[in-house]
Amino acid sequence: MNRIEEYGTGFRKVFSYCLEAGVEVFYKDDEQGFSFEFERTPINPMYATEAEIQLDAAQFAVYRLIKRNDKITIEEITTKVAKSHRTVARLIDELKQKGFLKRVGGTRGYWKLLK
């Protein structure tokens, strides 16, 4: 039982550390076991996007998830970035205030990136 609890803690730490470092992480679970895939894009100021320049690491992590899937739910984002529902909702509000994002439609709607 203790080992399973340790695994759960480790997963949260991996997601949390990657979010802080601006590293995108993907989790995969299959018959063979589980694995993580890490994706980091070096930022060259000459080629940086407006989002990379203006957003902090947490905002940018949410932005990239929405860019990848415009129908992603707050609950799915919460799982992927290892943050609370309230924190993710706040990050989304910040993205909206900065003019990067808007919601189109209701519950079955989608996210529209503006920048």
PDB file of N, CA and C in Angstrom:
ATOM      1  N   MET A   1       0.824  -1.199   0.000  1.00  0.00           N
ATOM      2  CA  MET A   1       0.000   0.000   0.000  1.00  0.00           C
ATOM      3  C   MET A   1       0.869   1.264   0.000  1.00  0.00           C
ATOM      4  N   ASN A   2       1.910   1.278   0.802  1.00  0.00           N
ATOM      5  CA  ASN A   2       2.758   2.467   0.858  1.00  0.00           C
ATOM      6  C   ASN A   2       3.429   2.743  -0.479  1.00  0.00           C
ATOM      7  N   ARG A   3       3.802   1.684  -1.215  1.00  0.00           N
ATOM      8  CA  ARG A   3       4.461   1.896  -2.501  1.00  0.00           C
ATOM      9  C   ARG A   3       3.520   2.583  -3.490  1.00  0.00           C
ATOM     10  N   ILE A   4       2.265   2.185  -3.500  1.00  0.00           N
ATOM     11  CA  ILE A   4       1.312   2.800  -4.421  1.00  0.00           C
ATOM     12  C   ILE A   4       1.132   4.273  -4.066  1.00  0.00           C
ATOM     13  N   GLU A   5       1.064   4.597  -2.783  1.00  0.00           N
ATOM     14  CA  GLU A   5       0.960   5.996  -2.383  1.00  0.00           C
ATOM     15  C   GLU A   5       2.195   6.771  -2.820  1.00  0.00           C
ATOM     16  N   GLU A   6       3.384   6.144  -2.729  1.00  0.00           N
ATOM     17  CA  GLU A   6       4.612   6.797  -3.169  1.00  0.00           C
ATOM     18  C   GLU A   6       4.563   7.071  -4.670  1.00  0.00           C
ATOM     19  N   TYR A   7       4.045   6.123  -5.455  1.00  0.00           N
ATOM     20  CA  TYR A   7       3.950   6.338  -6.899  1.00  0.00           C
ATOM     21  C   TYR A   7       3.077   7.547  -7.196  1.00  0.00           C
ATOM     22  N   GLY A   8       1.940   7.656  -6.524  1.00  0.00           N
ATOM     23  CA  GLY A   8       1.044   8.785  -6.748  1.00  0.00           C
ATOM     24  C   GLY A   8       1.719  10.107  -6.442  1.00  0.00           C
ATOM     25  N   THR A   9       2.494  10.163  -5.378  1.00  0.00           N
ATOM     26  CA  THR A   9       3.222  11.373  -5.014  1.00  0.00           C
ATOM     27  C   THR A   9       4.262  11.699  -6.071  1.00  0.00           C
ATOM     28  N   GLY A  10       4.934  10.701  -6.580  1.00  0.00           N
ATOM     29  CA  GLY A  10       5.958  10.904  -7.604  1.00  0.00           C
ATOM     30  C   GLY A  10       5.382  11.480  -8.880  1.00  0.00           C
ATOM     31  N   PHE A  11       4.218  11.014  -9.270  1.00  0.00           N
ATOM     32  CA  PHE A  11       3.578  11.524 -10.478  1.00  0.00           C
ATOM     33  C   PHE A  11       3.284  13.013 -10.317  1.00  0.00           C
ATOM     34  N   ARG A  12       2.708  13.395  -9.183  1.00  0.00           N
ATOM     35  CA  ARG A  12       2.398  14.811  -8.955  1.00  0.00           C
ATOM     36  C   ARG A  12       3.668  15.653  -8.988  1.00  0.00           C
ATOM     37  N   LYS A  13       4.749  15.128  -8.410  1.00  0.00           N
ATOM     38  CA  LYS A  13       6.009  15.875  -8.407  1.00  0.00           C
ATOM     39  C   LYS A  13       6.543  16.052  -9.825  1.00  0.00           C
ATOM     40  N   VAL A  14       6.501  15.001 -10.637  1.00  0.00           N
ATOM     41  CA  VAL A  14       6.987  15.091 -12.019  1.00  0.00           C
ATOM     42  C   VAL A  14       6.212  16.171 -12.766  1.00  0.00           C
ATOM     43  N   PHE A  15       4.884  16.132 -12.685  1.00  0.00           N
ATOM     44  CA  PHE A  15       4.062  17.114 -13.394  1.00  0.00           C
ATOM     45  C   PHE A  15       4.318  18.525 -12.866  1.00  0.00           C
ATOM     46  N   SER A  16       4.428  18.662 -11.562  1.00  0.00           N
ATOM     47  CA  SER A  16       4.644  19.963 -10.961  1.00  0.00           C
ATOM     48  C   SER A  16       6.007  20.554 -11.349  1.00  0.00           C
ATOM     49  N   TYR A  17       7.070  19.754 -11.256  1.00  0.00           N
ATOM     50  CA  TYR A  17       8.408  20.231 -11.617  1.00  0.00           C
ATOM     51  C   TYR A  17       8.490  20.598 -13.099  1.00  0.00           C
ATOM     52  N   CYS A  18       7.869  19.790 -13.935  1.00  0.00           N
ATOM     53  CA  CYS A  18       7.892  20.087 -15.373  1.00  0.00           C
ATOM     54  C   CYS A  18       7.149  21.378 -15.667  1.00  0.00           C
ATOM     55  N   LEU A  19       6.037  21.597 -14.990  1.00  0.00           N
ATOM     56  CA  LEU A  19       5.277  22.829 -15.188  1.00  0.00           C
ATOM     57  C   LEU A  19       6.125  24.036 -14.810  1.00  0.00           C
ATOM     58  N   GLU A  20       6.795  23.958 -13.663  1.00  0.00           N
ATOM     59  CA  GLU A  20       7.640  25.068 -13.218  1.00  0.00           C
ATOM     60  C   GLU A  20       8.781  25.342 -14.193  1.00  0.00           C
ATOM     61  N   ALA A  21       9.319  24.285 -14.802  1.00  0.00           N
ATOM     62  CA  ALA A  21      10.463  24.443 -15.704  1.00  0.00           C
ATOM     63  C   ALA A  21      10.039  24.730 -17.141  1.00  0.00           C
ATOM     64  N   GLY A  22       8.733  24.721 -17.404  1.00  0.00           N
ATOM     65  CA  GLY A  22       8.267  24.967 -18.760  1.00  0.00           C
ATOM     66  C   GLY A  22       8.497  23.787 -19.690  1.00  0.00           C
ATOM     67  N   VAL A  23       8.551  22.581 -19.118  1.00  0.00           N
ATOM     68  CA  VAL A  23       8.757  21.367 -19.904  1.00  0.00           C
ATOM     69  C   VAL A  23       7.411  20.663 -20.030  1.00  0.00           C
ATOM     70  N   GLU A  24       6.993  20.380 -21.238  1.00  0.00           N
ATOM     71  CA  GLU A  24       5.734  19.682 -21.463  1.00  0.00           C
ATOM     72  C   GLU A  24       5.968  18.203 -21.221  1.00  0.00           C
ATOM     73  N   VAL A  25       5.079  17.588 -20.466  1.00  0.00           N
ATOM     74  CA  VAL A  25       5.228  16.176 -20.127  1.00  0.00           C
ATOM     75  C   VAL A  25       3.954  15.431 -20.519  1.00  0.00           C
ATOM     76  N   PHE A  26       4.129  14.246 -21.077  1.00  0.00           N
ATOM     77  CA  PHE A  26       3.006  13.402 -21.468  1.00  0.00           C
ATOM     78  C   PHE A  26       3.141  12.070 -20.740  1.00  0.00           C
ATOM     79  N   TYR A  27       2.049  11.587 -20.228  1.00  0.00           N
ATOM     80  CA  TYR A  27       2.022  10.326 -19.497  1.00  0.00           C
ATOM     81  C   TYR A  27       1.327   9.284 -20.358  1.00  0.00           C
ATOM     82  N   LYS A  28       1.903   8.094 -20.407  1.00  0.00           N
ATOM     83  CA  LYS A  28       1.328   7.005 -21.201  1.00  0.00           C
ATOM     84  C   LYS A  28       1.278   5.756 -20.330  1.00  0.00           C
ATOM     85  N   ASP A  29       0.146   5.083 -20.330  1.00  0.00           N
ATOM     86  CA  ASP A  29      -0.041   3.868 -19.546  1.00  0.00           C
ATOM     87  C   ASP A  29      -0.576   2.793 -20.489  1.00  0.00           C
ATOM     88  N   ASP A  30       0.138   1.671 -20.584  1.00  0.00           N
ATOM     89  CA  ASP A  30      -0.306   0.584 -21.454  1.00  0.00           C
ATOM     90  C   ASP A  30       0.027  -0.761 -20.826  1.00  0.00           C
ATOM     91  N   GLU A  31      -0.067  -1.830 -21.604  1.00  0.00           N
ATOM     92  CA  GLU A  31       0.186  -3.183 -21.090  1.00  0.00           C
ATOM     93  C   GLU A  31       1.603  -3.348 -20.547  1.00  0.00           C
ATOM     94  N   GLN A  32       2.537  -2.616 -21.105  1.00  0.00           N
ATOM     95  CA  GLN A  32       3.939  -2.724 -20.713  1.00  0.00           C
ATOM     96  C   GLN A  32       4.238  -1.992 -19.406  1.00  0.00           C
ATOM     97  N   GLY A  33       3.369  -1.101 -19.000  1.00  0.00           N
ATOM     98  CA  GLY A  33       3.599  -0.285 -17.813  1.00  0.00           C
ATOM     99  C   GLY A  33       3.300   1.163 -18.136  1.00  0.00           C
ATOM    100  N   PHE A  34       4.040   2.055 -17.526  1.00  0.00           N
ATOM    101  CA  PHE A  34       3.806   3.470 -17.791  1.00  0.00           C
ATOM    102  C   PHE A  34       5.109   4.127 -18.217  1.00  0.00           C
ATOM    103  N   SER A  35       4.955   5.279 -18.867  1.00  0.00           N
ATOM    104  CA  SER A  35       6.141   6.033 -19.270  1.00  0.00           C
ATOM    105  C   SER A  35       5.791   7.516 -19.335  1.00  0.00           C
ATOM    106  N   PHE A  36       6.827   8.333 -19.251  1.00  0.00           N
ATOM    107  CA  PHE A  36       6.698   9.775 -19.405  1.00  0.00           C
ATOM    108  C   PHE A  36       7.468  10.183 -20.643  1.00  0.00           C
ATOM    109  N   GLU A  37       6.943  11.157 -21.341  1.00  0.00           N
ATOM    110  CA  GLU A  37       7.644  11.741 -22.477  1.00  0.00           C
ATOM    111  C   GLU A  37       7.766  13.235 -22.199  1.00  0.00           C
ATOM    112  N   PHE A  38       8.983  13.743 -22.279  1.00  0.00           N
ATOM    113  CA  PHE A  38       9.244  15.145 -21.981  1.00  0.00           C
ATOM    114  C   PHE A  38       9.568  15.888 -23.264  1.00  0.00           C
ATOM    115  N   GLU A  39       8.955  17.050 -23.415  1.00  0.00           N
ATOM    116  CA  GLU A  39       9.195  17.859 -24.606  1.00  0.00           C
ATOM    117  C   GLU A  39       9.574  19.267 -24.175  1.00  0.00           C
ATOM    118  N   ARG A  40      10.730  19.666 -24.568  1.00  0.00           N
ATOM    119  CA  ARG A  40      11.189  21.015 -24.248  1.00  0.00           C
ATOM    120  C   ARG A  40      11.612  21.686 -25.540  1.00  0.00           C
ATOM    121  N   THR A  41      11.133  22.878 -25.742  1.00  0.00           N
ATOM    122  CA  THR A  41      11.514  23.644 -26.918  1.00  0.00           C
ATOM    123  C   THR A  41      12.455  24.754 -26.461  1.00  0.00           C
ATOM    124  N   PRO A  42      13.680  24.761 -26.968  1.00  0.00           N
ATOM    125  CA  PRO A  42      14.566  25.862 -26.588  1.00  0.00           C
ATOM    126  C   PRO A  42      14.013  27.179 -27.104  1.00  0.00           C
ATOM    127  N   ILE A  43      14.063  28.175 -26.261  1.00  0.00           N
ATOM    128  CA  ILE A  43      13.535  29.477 -26.653  1.00  0.00           C
ATOM    129  C   ILE A  43      14.683  30.375 -27.092  1.00  0.00           C
ATOM    130  N   ASN A  44      14.689  30.685 -28.352  1.00  0.00           N
ATOM    131  CA  ASN A  44      15.633  31.637 -28.904  1.00  0.00           C
ATOM    132  C   ASN A  44      14.863  32.956 -29.002  1.00  0.00           C
ATOM    133  N   PRO A  45      15.288  33.999 -28.282  1.00  0.00           N
ATOM    134  CA  PRO A  45      14.521  35.251 -28.284  1.00  0.00           C
ATOM    135  C   PRO A  45      14.169  35.763 -29.674  1.00  0.00           C
ATOM    136  N   MET A  46      15.020  35.475 -30.639  1.00  0.00           N
ATOM    137  CA  MET A  46      14.757  35.943 -31.991  1.00  0.00           C
ATOM    138  C   MET A  46      13.520  35.279 -32.603  1.00  0.00           C
ATOM    139  N   TYR A  47      13.221  34.044 -32.182  1.00  0.00           N
ATOM    140  CA  TYR A  47      12.106  33.292 -32.749  1.00  0.00           C
ATOM    141  C   TYR A  47      10.996  33.024 -31.744  1.00  0.00           C
ATOM    142  N   ALA A  48      11.060  33.599 -30.575  1.00  0.00           N
ATOM    143  CA  ALA A  48      10.060  33.353 -29.538  1.00  0.00           C
ATOM    144  C   ALA A  48       8.709  33.915 -29.961  1.00  0.00           C
ATOM    145  N   THR A  49       7.661  33.192 -29.618  1.00  0.00           N
ATOM    146  CA  THR A  49       6.308  33.661 -29.904  1.00  0.00           C
ATOM    147  C   THR A  49       5.899  34.666 -28.837  1.00  0.00           C
ATOM    148  N   GLU A  50       4.833  35.366 -29.117  1.00  0.00           N
ATOM    149  CA  GLU A  50       4.313  36.340 -28.153  1.00  0.00           C
ATOM    150  C   GLU A  50       3.942  35.644 -26.843  1.00  0.00           C
ATOM    151  N   ALA A  51       3.380  34.440 -26.941  1.00  0.00           N
ATOM    152  CA  ALA A  51       2.996  33.689 -25.746  1.00  0.00           C
ATOM    153  C   ALA A  51       4.221  33.331 -24.909  1.00  0.00           C
ATOM    154  N   GLU A  52       5.308  32.903 -25.548  1.00  0.00           N
ATOM    155  CA  GLU A  52       6.527  32.540 -24.817  1.00  0.00           C
ATOM    156  C   GLU A  52       7.121  33.744 -24.090  1.00  0.00           C
ATOM    157  N   ILE A  53       6.951  34.921 -24.648  1.00  0.00           N
ATOM    158  CA  ILE A  53       7.517  36.127 -24.053  1.00  0.00           C
ATOM    159  C   ILE A  53       6.633  36.663 -22.917  1.00  0.00           C
ATOM    160  N   GLN A  54       5.322  36.671 -23.126  1.00  0.00           N
ATOM    161  CA  GLN A  54       4.419  37.359 -22.196  1.00  0.00           C
ATOM    162  C   GLN A  54       3.839  36.495 -21.082  1.00  0.00           C
ATOM    163  N   LEU A  55       3.884  35.175 -21.224  1.00  0.00           N
ATOM    164  CA  LEU A  55       3.248  34.301 -20.233  1.00  0.00           C
ATOM    165  C   LEU A  55       4.271  33.680 -19.301  1.00  0.00           C
ATOM    166  N   ASP A  56       3.859  33.469 -18.045  1.00  0.00           N
ATOM    167  CA  ASP A  56       4.741  32.750 -17.131  1.00  0.00           C
ATOM    168  C   ASP A  56       4.617  31.250 -17.424  1.00  0.00           C
ATOM    169  N   ALA A  57       5.392  30.432 -16.747  1.00  0.00           N
ATOM    170  CA  ALA A  57       5.459  28.994 -17.053  1.00  0.00           C
ATOM    171  C   ALA A  57       4.105  28.306 -16.901  1.00  0.00           C
ATOM    172  N   ALA A  58       3.372  28.617 -15.836  1.00  0.00           N
ATOM    173  CA  ALA A  58       2.077  27.972 -15.610  1.00  0.00           C
ATOM    174  C   ALA A  58       1.064  28.379 -16.674  1.00  0.00           C
ATOM    175  N   GLN A  59       1.016  29.665 -16.989  1.00  0.00           N
ATOM    176  CA  GLN A  59       0.097  30.143 -18.029  1.00  0.00           C
ATOM    177  C   GLN A  59       0.446  29.517 -19.370  1.00  0.00           C
ATOM    178  N   PHE A  60       1.731  29.443 -19.667  1.00  0.00           N
ATOM    179  CA  PHE A  60       2.163  28.896 -20.950  1.00  0.00           C
ATOM    180  C   PHE A  60       1.844  27.400 -21.049  1.00  0.00           C
ATOM    181  N   ALA A  61       1.948  26.669 -19.936  1.00  0.00           N
ATOM    182  CA  ALA A  61       1.611  25.240 -19.943  1.00  0.00           C
ATOM    183  C   ALA A  61       0.134  25.041 -20.298  1.00  0.00           C
ATOM    184  N   VAL A  62      -0.728  25.867 -19.704  1.00  0.00           N
ATOM    185  CA  VAL A  62      -2.165  25.784 -20.006  1.00  0.00           C
ATOM    186  C   VAL A  62      -2.407  26.190 -21.459  1.00  0.00           C
ATOM    187  N   TYR A  63      -1.760  27.255 -21.898  1.00  0.00           N
ATOM    188  CA  TYR A  63      -1.879  27.735 -23.275  1.00  0.00           C
ATOM    189  C   TYR A  63      -1.517  26.628 -24.270  1.00  0.00           C
ATOM    190  N   ARG A  64      -0.405  25.928 -24.027  1.00  0.00           N
ATOM    191  CA  ARG A  64       0.037  24.874 -24.946  1.00  0.00           C
ATOM    192  C   ARG A  64      -0.934  23.697 -24.972  1.00  0.00           C
ATOM    193  N   LEU A  65      -1.501  23.358 -23.820  1.00  0.00           N
ATOM    194  CA  LEU A  65      -2.483  22.267 -23.792  1.00  0.00           C
ATOM    195  C   LEU A  65      -3.722  22.644 -24.603  1.00  0.00           C
ATOM    196  N   ILE A  66      -4.171  23.877 -24.461  1.00  0.00           N
ATOM    197  CA  ILE A  66      -5.344  24.337 -25.216  1.00  0.00           C
ATOM    198  C   ILE A  66      -5.009  24.424 -26.702  1.00  0.00           C
ATOM    199  N   LYS A  67      -3.792  24.832 -27.017  1.00  0.00           N
ATOM    200  CA  LYS A  67      -3.378  24.902 -28.418  1.00  0.00           C
ATOM    201  C   LYS A  67      -3.403  23.515 -29.049  1.00  0.00           C
ATOM    202  N   ARG A  68      -3.027  22.510 -28.284  1.00  0.00           N
ATOM    203  CA  ARG A  68      -2.994  21.133 -28.768  1.00  0.00           C
ATOM    204  C   ARG A  68      -4.398  20.534 -28.901  1.00  0.00           C
ATOM    205  N   ASN A  69      -5.328  20.944 -28.011  1.00  0.00           N
ATOM    206  CA  ASN A  69      -6.681  20.393 -28.021  1.00  0.00           C
ATOM    207  C   ASN A  69      -7.650  21.483 -27.588  1.00  0.00           C
ATOM    208  N   ASP A  70      -8.352  22.097 -28.550  1.00  0.00           N
ATOM    209  CA  ASP A  70      -9.229  23.226 -28.223  1.00  0.00           C
ATOM    210  C   ASP A  70     -10.508  22.822 -27.499  1.00  0.00           C
ATOM    211  N   LYS A  71     -10.756  21.529 -27.341  1.00  0.00           N
ATOM    212  CA  LYS A  71     -11.934  21.062 -26.614  1.00  0.00           C
ATOM    213  C   LYS A  71     -11.574  20.496 -25.233  1.00  0.00           C
ATOM    214  N   ILE A  72     -10.345  20.693 -24.803  1.00  0.00           N
ATOM    215  CA  ILE A  72      -9.894  20.169 -23.520  1.00  0.00           C
ATOM    216  C   ILE A  72     -10.692  20.814 -22.378  1.00  0.00           C
ATOM    217  N   THR A  73     -10.991  20.021 -21.371  1.00  0.00           N
ATOM    218  CA  THR A  73     -11.759  20.529 -20.229  1.00  0.00           C
ATOM    219  C   THR A  73     -10.806  21.009 -19.137  1.00  0.00           C
ATOM    220  N   ILE A  74     -11.346  21.784 -18.227  1.00  0.00           N
ATOM    221  CA  ILE A  74     -10.548  22.249 -17.094  1.00  0.00           C
ATOM    222  C   ILE A  74     -10.077  21.051 -16.275  1.00  0.00           C
ATOM    223  N   GLU A  75     -10.914  20.045 -16.141  1.00  0.00           N
ATOM    224  CA  GLU A  75     -10.529  18.848 -15.385  1.00  0.00           C
ATOM    225  C   GLU A  75      -9.339  18.137 -16.033  1.00  0.00           C
ATOM    226  N   GLU A  76      -9.338  18.049 -17.358  1.00  0.00           N
ATOM    227  CA  GLU A  76      -8.214  17.427 -18.063  1.00  0.00           C
ATOM    228  C   GLU A  76      -6.939  18.255 -17.897  1.00  0.00           C
ATOM    229  N   ILE A  77      -7.079  19.566 -17.971  1.00  0.00           N
ATOM    230  CA  ILE A  77      -5.916  20.444 -17.767  1.00  0.00           C
ATOM    231  C   ILE A  77      -5.385  20.260 -16.351  1.00  0.00           C
ATOM    232  N   THR A  78      -6.292  20.204 -15.382  1.00  0.00           N
ATOM    233  CA  THR A  78      -5.916  20.023 -13.982  1.00  0.00           C
ATOM    234  C   THR A  78      -5.056  18.781 -13.806  1.00  0.00           C
ATOM    235  N   THR A  79      -5.435  17.697 -14.446  1.00  0.00           N
ATOM    236  CA  THR A  79      -4.686  16.442 -14.356  1.00  0.00           C
ATOM    237  C   THR A  79      -3.318  16.574 -15.004  1.00  0.00           C
ATOM    238  N   LYS A  80      -3.276  17.200 -16.159  1.00  0.00           N
ATOM    239  CA  LYS A  80      -2.017  17.276 -16.914  1.00  0.00           C
ATOM    240  C   LYS A  80      -0.987  18.218 -16.294  1.00  0.00           C
ATOM    241  N   VAL A  81      -1.438  19.276 -15.633  1.00  0.00           N
ATOM    242  CA  VAL A  81      -0.490  20.221 -15.050  1.00  0.00           C
ATOM    243  C   VAL A  81      -0.327  20.045 -13.543  1.00  0.00           C
ATOM    244  N   ALA A  82      -1.047  19.093 -12.980  1.00  0.00           N
ATOM    245  CA  ALA A  82      -0.956  18.784 -11.540  1.00  0.00           C
ATOM    246  C   ALA A  82      -1.217  20.017 -10.672  1.00  0.00           C
ATOM    247  N   LYS A  83      -2.259  20.745 -11.021  1.00  0.00           N
ATOM    248  CA  LYS A  83      -2.684  21.914 -10.240  1.00  0.00           C
ATOM    249  C   LYS A  83      -4.152  21.736  -9.881  1.00  0.00           C
ATOM    250  N   SER A  84      -4.617  22.480  -8.905  1.00  0.00           N
ATOM    251  CA  SER A  84      -6.007  22.385  -8.481  1.00  0.00           C
ATOM    252  C   SER A  84      -6.938  23.001  -9.531  1.00  0.00           C
ATOM    253  N   HIS A  85      -8.196  22.654  -9.426  1.00  0.00           N
ATOM    254  CA  HIS A  85      -9.214  23.201 -10.328  1.00  0.00           C
ATOM    255  C   HIS A  85      -9.236  24.725 -10.223  1.00  0.00           C
ATOM    256  N   ARG A  86      -9.156  25.215  -9.016  1.00  0.00           N
ATOM    257  CA  ARG A  86      -9.186  26.661  -8.783  1.00  0.00           C
ATOM    258  C   ARG A  86      -7.987  27.363  -9.435  1.00  0.00           C
ATOM    259  N   THR A  87      -6.803  26.761  -9.318  1.00  0.00           N
ATOM    260  CA  THR A  87      -5.598  27.345  -9.916  1.00  0.00           C
ATOM    261  C   THR A  87      -5.713  27.378 -11.437  1.00  0.00           C
ATOM    262  N   VAL A  88      -6.182  26.282 -12.029  1.00  0.00           N
ATOM    263  CA  VAL A  88      -6.334  26.231 -13.486  1.00  0.00           C
ATOM    264  C   VAL A  88      -7.370  27.259 -13.944  1.00  0.00           C
ATOM    265  N   ALA A  89      -8.463  27.386 -13.223  1.00  0.00           N
ATOM    266  CA  ALA A  89      -9.478  28.381 -13.576  1.00  0.00           C
ATOM    267  C   ALA A  89      -8.874  29.791 -13.511  1.00  0.00           C
ATOM    268  N   ARG A  90      -8.037  30.058 -12.511  1.00  0.00           N
ATOM    269  CA  ARG A  90      -7.380  31.358 -12.396  1.00  0.00           C
ATOM    270  C   ARG A  90      -6.425  31.598 -13.565  1.00  0.00           C
ATOM    271  N   LEU A  91      -5.664  30.566 -13.939  1.00  0.00           N
ATOM    272  CA  LEU A  91      -4.738  30.701 -15.068  1.00  0.00           C
ATOM    273  C   LEU A  91      -5.491  30.985 -16.366  1.00  0.00           C
ATOM    274  N   ILE A  92      -6.615  30.324 -16.549  1.00  0.00           N
ATOM    275  CA  ILE A  92      -7.442  30.560 -17.740  1.00  0.00           C
ATOM    276  C   ILE A  92      -7.975  31.986 -17.737  1.00  0.00           C
ATOM    277  N   ASP A  93      -8.414  32.466 -16.568  1.00  0.00           N
ATOM    278  CA  ASP A  93      -8.880  33.853 -16.474  1.00  0.00           C
ATOM    279  C   ASP A  93      -7.763  34.832 -16.831  1.00  0.00           C
ATOM    280  N   GLU A  94      -6.543  34.540 -16.363  1.00  0.00           N
ATOM    281  CA  GLU A  94      -5.401  35.408 -16.694  1.00  0.00           C
ATOM    282  C   GLU A  94      -5.133  35.409 -18.199  1.00  0.00           C
ATOM    283  N   LEU A  95      -5.230  34.244 -18.840  1.00  0.00           N
ATOM    284  CA  LEU A  95      -5.039  34.162 -20.292  1.00  0.00           C
ATOM    285  C   LEU A  95      -6.107  34.983 -21.020  1.00  0.00           C
ATOM    286  N   LYS A  96      -7.329  34.927 -20.523  1.00  0.00           N
ATOM    287  CA  LYS A  96      -8.405  35.720 -21.122  1.00  0.00           C
ATOM    288  C   LYS A  96      -8.133  37.216 -20.958  1.00  0.00           C
ATOM    289  N   GLN A  97      -7.721  37.622 -19.756  1.00  0.00           N
ATOM    290  CA  GLN A  97      -7.455  39.044 -19.484  1.00  0.00           C
ATOM    291  C   GLN A  97      -6.310  39.579 -20.338  1.00  0.00           C
ATOM    292  N   LYS A  98      -5.328  38.734 -20.624  1.00  0.00           N
ATOM    293  CA  LYS A  98      -4.185  39.157 -21.437  1.00  0.00           C
ATOM    294  C   LYS A  98      -4.486  39.100 -22.931  1.00  0.00           C
ATOM    295  N   GLY A  99      -5.702  38.637 -23.276  1.00  0.00           N
ATOM    296  CA  GLY A  99      -6.108  38.612 -24.675  1.00  0.00           C
ATOM    297  C   GLY A  99      -5.606  37.417 -25.468  1.00  0.00           C
ATOM    298  N   PHE A 100      -5.233  36.340 -24.790  1.00  0.00           N
ATOM    299  CA  PHE A 100      -4.729  35.151 -25.474  1.00  0.00           C
ATOM    300  C   PHE A 100      -5.811  34.119 -25.749  1.00  0.00           C
ATOM    301  N   LEU A 101      -6.928  34.200 -25.045  1.00  0.00           N
ATOM    302  CA  LEU A 101      -7.882  33.099 -25.059  1.00  0.00           C
ATOM    303  C   LEU A 101      -9.299  33.599 -24.870  1.00  0.00           C
ATOM    304  N   LYS A 102     -10.231  32.903 -25.494  1.00  0.00           N
ATOM    305  CA  LYS A 102     -11.642  33.125 -25.183  1.00  0.00           C
ATOM    306  C   LYS A 102     -12.381  31.805 -25.341  1.00  0.00           C
ATOM    307  N   ARG A 103     -13.498  31.697 -24.672  1.00  0.00           N
ATOM    308  CA  ARG A 103     -14.326  30.497 -24.728  1.00  0.00           C
ATOM    309  C   ARG A 103     -15.448  30.743 -25.719  1.00  0.00           C
ATOM    310  N   VAL A 104     -15.656  29.808 -26.624  1.00  0.00           N
ATOM    311  CA  VAL A 104     -16.736  29.884 -27.598  1.00  0.00           C
ATOM    312  C   VAL A 104     -17.730  28.788 -27.249  1.00  0.00           C
ATOM    313  N   GLY A 105     -18.963  29.166 -26.979  1.00  0.00           N
ATOM    314  CA  GLY A 105     -19.972  28.181 -26.618  1.00  0.00           C
ATOM    315  C   GLY A 105     -19.948  27.888 -25.124  1.00  0.00           C
ATOM    316  N   GLY A 106     -20.804  26.997 -24.731  1.00  0.00           N
ATOM    317  CA  GLY A 106     -20.922  26.638 -23.318  1.00  0.00           C
ATOM    318  C   GLY A 106     -20.127  25.396 -22.978  1.00  0.00           C
ATOM    319  N   THR A 107     -20.782  24.494 -22.288  1.00  0.00           N
ATOM    320  CA  THR A 107     -20.137  23.262 -21.827  1.00  0.00           C
ATOM    321  C   THR A 107     -19.551  22.451 -22.975  1.00  0.00           C
ATOM    322  N   ARG A 108     -20.223  22.421 -24.093  1.00  0.00           N
ATOM    323  CA  ARG A 108     -19.741  21.642 -25.242  1.00  0.00           C
ATOM    324  C   ARG A 108     -19.001  22.507 -26.257  1.00  0.00           C
ATOM    325  N   GLY A 109     -18.614  23.686 -25.819  1.00  0.00           N
ATOM    326  CA  GLY A 109     -17.919  24.610 -26.709  1.00  0.00           C
ATOM    327  C   GLY A 109     -16.450  24.266 -26.856  1.00  0.00           C
ATOM    328  N   TYR A 110     -15.678  25.267 -27.216  1.00  0.00           N
ATOM    329  CA  TYR A 110     -14.245  25.062 -27.418  1.00  0.00           C
ATOM    330  C   TYR A 110     -13.498  26.347 -27.065  1.00  0.00           C
ATOM    331  N   TRP A 111     -12.184  26.218 -26.932  1.00  0.00           N
ATOM    332  CA  TRP A 111     -11.319  27.360 -26.637  1.00  0.00           C
ATOM    333  C   TRP A 111     -10.811  27.934 -27.955  1.00  0.00           C
ATOM    334  N   LYS A 112     -10.761  29.245 -28.023  1.00  0.00           N
ATOM    335  CA  LYS A 112     -10.209  29.901 -29.212  1.00  0.00           C
ATOM    336  C   LYS A 112      -8.998  30.717 -28.782  1.00  0.00           C
ATOM    337  N   LEU A 113      -7.843  30.379 -29.358  1.00  0.00           N
ATOM    338  CA  LEU A 113      -6.617  31.136 -29.090  1.00  0.00           C
ATOM    339  C   LEU A 113      -6.615  32.379 -29.951  1.00  0.00           C
ATOM    340  N   LEU A 114      -6.361  33.522 -29.344  1.00  0.00           N
ATOM    341  CA  LEU A 114      -6.402  34.797 -30.040  1.00  0.00           C
ATOM    342  C   LEU A 114      -5.025  35.304 -30.448  1.00  0.00           C
ATOM    343  N   LYS A 115      -3.981  34.758 -29.824  1.00  0.00           N
ATOM    344  CA  LYS A 115      -2.608  35.152 -30.150  1.00  0.00           C
ATOM    345  C   LYS A 115      -1.768  33.913 -30.310  1.00  0.00           C
TER     346      LYS A 115
END
